[in-house]
Amino acid sequence: MKKLQMPIKSTTEGLVLIIVGLIFIPESWNSIINAHPRSYGQGYIPFFAALSLFICGLALLREAYQHRQFEGLKGIQWGKIFRGPGLSIISLIAYMEFMELLGFGLATFLLLVVLLRILKAYSWPSILILSSITAISFHYIFRVWLYLPLPLGLLFSYLFYT
């Protein structure tokens, strides 16, 4: 029986999974610890998802090492990391940071434009239309139907409340 050969890129993917797991495990663990003693808290699903990512990343690195395709830091395709998952993570962090400044609607629109452009599955007009419809729909659902207070941003709060 022939063993399956792991591609060299499994080293890169394994390291990305390990890094994402290591980022989210402590955060979700804090929400588990701070929960009410008789409730499960909000952090159990993110904790086990991050732990699963970490374990899968270790398994990928182990397979790459066993098949002699583990080249250490030389085997990592850094461009692929920063082009796809890296840009996605950076755009999500920027979304959280700039939501108060830009407002929920504009920040959601820009996030969707960036994420859909990273996917490269749609043309620019399709991306702009889809992002607009989604951002308006989310704003309507959360603000009107669910009565949740959403950040308006500095520009919209200046225009509508001064």
Protein backbone atom coordinates (compact mmCIF):
# COMPACT_ATOMS: atom_id res chain seq x y z
CA MET A 1 0.00 0.00 0.00
CA LYS A 2 1.43 3.33 -1.09
CA LYS A 3 1.62 6.17 1.43
CA LEU A 4 0.08 9.47 0.48
CA GLN A 5 2.59 12.23 -0.10
CA MET A 6 1.98 15.55 1.65
CA PRO A 7 2.72 18.65 -0.42
CA ILE A 8 5.34 21.10 0.79
CA LYS A 9 2.69 23.75 1.33
CA SER A 10 1.37 21.72 4.29
CA THR A 11 4.18 23.29 6.30
CA THR A 12 2.78 26.74 5.57
CA GLU A 13 -0.81 25.74 6.25
CA GLY A 14 0.18 23.94 9.45
CA LEU A 15 1.96 27.01 10.79
CA VAL A 16 -0.99 29.27 9.90
CA LEU A 17 -3.37 26.94 11.78
CA ILE A 18 -1.06 26.84 14.80
CA ILE A 19 -0.76 30.64 14.89
CA VAL A 20 -4.53 31.16 14.59
CA GLY A 21 -5.10 28.56 17.30
CA LEU A 22 -2.58 30.20 19.61
CA ILE A 23 -4.22 33.59 19.11
CA PHE A 24 -7.75 32.45 19.93
CA ILE A 25 -7.16 29.84 22.66
CA PRO A 26 -6.24 32.35 25.43
CA GLU A 27 -9.05 34.75 24.51
CA SER A 28 -11.72 32.07 24.56
CA TRP A 29 -10.27 30.55 27.73
CA ASN A 30 -10.68 33.91 29.50
CA SER A 31 -14.38 33.98 28.62
CA ILE A 32 -14.77 30.43 29.94
CA ILE A 33 -13.10 31.30 33.25
CA ASN A 34 -15.12 34.51 33.67
CA ALA A 35 -18.48 32.79 33.06
CA HIS A 36 -21.02 32.04 35.75
CA PRO A 37 -20.12 28.81 37.64
CA ARG A 38 -23.31 27.03 36.60
CA SER A 39 -23.28 28.06 32.95
CA TYR A 40 -21.01 27.02 30.15
CA GLY A 41 -20.23 30.56 29.07
CA GLN A 42 -19.59 31.93 25.63
CA GLY A 43 -16.09 30.65 25.17
CA TYR A 44 -16.54 26.91 24.84
CA ILE A 45 -17.22 26.76 21.10
CA PRO A 46 -14.42 29.22 20.17
CA PHE A 47 -12.07 27.43 22.56
CA PHE A 48 -12.66 24.01 21.06
CA ALA A 49 -12.56 25.43 17.51
CA ALA A 50 -9.20 27.09 18.21
CA LEU A 51 -7.91 23.96 19.93
CA SER A 52 -8.97 21.90 16.90
CA LEU A 53 -7.16 24.29 14.56
CA PHE A 54 -4.04 24.06 16.70
CA ILE A 55 -4.14 20.25 16.74
CA CYS A 56 -4.74 20.09 12.97
CA GLY A 57 -1.80 22.42 12.43
CA LEU A 58 0.42 20.19 14.55
CA ALA A 59 -0.76 17.16 12.58
CA LEU A 60 0.08 18.87 9.28
CA LEU A 61 3.57 19.77 10.51
CA ARG A 62 4.10 16.23 11.76
CA GLU A 63 3.08 14.79 8.37
CA ALA A 64 5.34 17.21 6.53
CA TYR A 65 8.23 16.30 8.83
CA GLN A 66 7.65 12.56 8.42
CA HIS A 67 7.66 12.85 4.64
CA ARG A 68 10.91 14.81 4.73
CA GLN A 69 9.22 17.87 3.35
CA PHE A 70 9.63 19.96 6.45
CA GLU A 71 12.19 22.58 5.51
CA GLY A 72 11.82 24.77 8.56
CA LEU A 73 11.36 28.45 7.83
CA LYS A 74 12.74 28.01 4.30
CA GLY A 75 9.75 25.87 3.29
CA ILE A 76 7.17 28.43 4.32
CA GLN A 77 5.48 30.28 1.50
CA TRP A 78 5.30 33.68 3.19
CA GLY A 79 3.57 35.36 0.27
CA LYS A 80 0.72 32.88 0.42
CA ILE A 81 0.29 33.43 4.16
CA PHE A 82 0.08 37.22 3.90
CA ARG A 83 -1.96 37.24 0.71
CA GLY A 84 -4.88 35.12 1.91
CA PRO A 85 -5.31 34.40 5.61
CA GLY A 86 -2.99 37.18 6.74
CA LEU A 87 -4.93 39.87 4.90
CA SER A 88 -8.20 38.42 6.17
CA ILE A 89 -7.03 38.57 9.78
CA ILE A 90 -5.59 42.06 9.35
CA SER A 91 -8.84 43.27 7.75
CA LEU A 92 -10.91 41.83 10.62
CA ILE A 93 -8.69 43.54 13.19
CA ALA A 94 -8.96 46.82 11.26
CA TYR A 95 -12.74 46.36 11.12
CA MET A 96 -12.93 46.09 14.90
CA GLU A 97 -10.63 49.05 15.43
CA PHE A 98 -12.24 51.44 12.93
CA MET A 99 -15.91 50.61 13.59
CA GLU A 100 -16.29 53.45 16.11
CA LEU A 101 -14.63 55.90 13.73
CA LEU A 102 -16.37 54.87 10.49
CA GLY A 103 -19.62 53.45 11.84
CA PHE A 104 -21.12 50.01 11.45
CA GLY A 105 -22.45 50.44 7.92
CA LEU A 106 -19.36 51.90 6.30
CA ALA A 107 -16.97 49.60 8.19
CA THR A 108 -19.00 46.53 7.20
CA PHE A 109 -19.09 47.68 3.58
CA LEU A 110 -15.30 48.15 3.49
CA LEU A 111 -14.68 44.81 5.22
CA LEU A 112 -16.81 42.98 2.67
CA VAL A 113 -15.07 44.74 -0.21
CA VAL A 114 -11.66 43.68 1.11
CA LEU A 115 -12.68 40.09 1.88
CA LEU A 116 -14.43 39.57 -1.45
CA ARG A 117 -11.46 41.07 -3.28
CA ILE A 118 -9.12 38.66 -1.48
CA LEU A 119 -11.27 35.78 -2.75
CA LYS A 120 -10.99 37.15 -6.31
CA ALA A 121 -14.25 35.40 -7.17
CA TYR A 122 -16.18 38.45 -8.36
CA SER A 123 -15.61 41.51 -10.51
CA TRP A 124 -15.43 44.99 -8.98
CA PRO A 125 -19.02 46.00 -9.83
CA SER A 126 -20.31 42.73 -8.35
CA ILE A 127 -18.22 43.22 -5.21
CA LEU A 128 -19.50 46.78 -4.72
CA ILE A 129 -23.14 45.81 -5.28
CA LEU A 130 -22.94 42.73 -3.04
CA SER A 131 -21.13 44.62 -0.29
CA SER A 132 -23.65 47.47 -0.41
CA ILE A 133 -26.67 45.17 -0.25
CA THR A 134 -25.16 43.13 2.58
CA ALA A 135 -24.10 46.14 4.66
CA ILE A 136 -27.53 47.79 4.26
CA SER A 137 -29.28 44.51 5.11
CA PHE A 138 -27.16 43.96 8.22
CA HIS A 139 -27.73 47.54 9.33
CA TYR A 140 -31.49 47.17 8.85
CA ILE A 141 -31.64 43.81 10.64
CA PHE A 142 -29.60 44.87 13.67
CA ARG A 143 -30.76 48.47 14.00
CA VAL A 144 -34.45 48.27 13.02
CA TRP A 145 -35.58 44.72 13.72
CA LEU A 146 -33.43 43.89 16.74
CA TYR A 147 -33.13 47.45 18.13
CA LEU A 148 -29.41 47.08 18.76
CA PRO A 149 -27.42 50.29 19.13
CA LEU A 150 -24.79 50.34 16.41
CA PRO A 151 -21.91 52.81 16.16
CA LEU A 152 -22.73 55.57 13.67
CA GLY A 153 -19.21 56.83 13.26
CA LEU A 154 -17.93 60.36 13.55
CA LEU A 155 -19.15 61.57 10.16
CA PHE A 156 -22.72 60.29 10.47
CA SER A 157 -23.08 61.33 14.11
CA TYR A 158 -21.89 64.84 13.17
CA LEU A 159 -24.29 65.05 10.21
CA PHE A 160 -27.39 63.68 11.95
CA TYR A 161 -26.99 64.78 15.57
CA THR A 162 -25.64 68.34 15.38
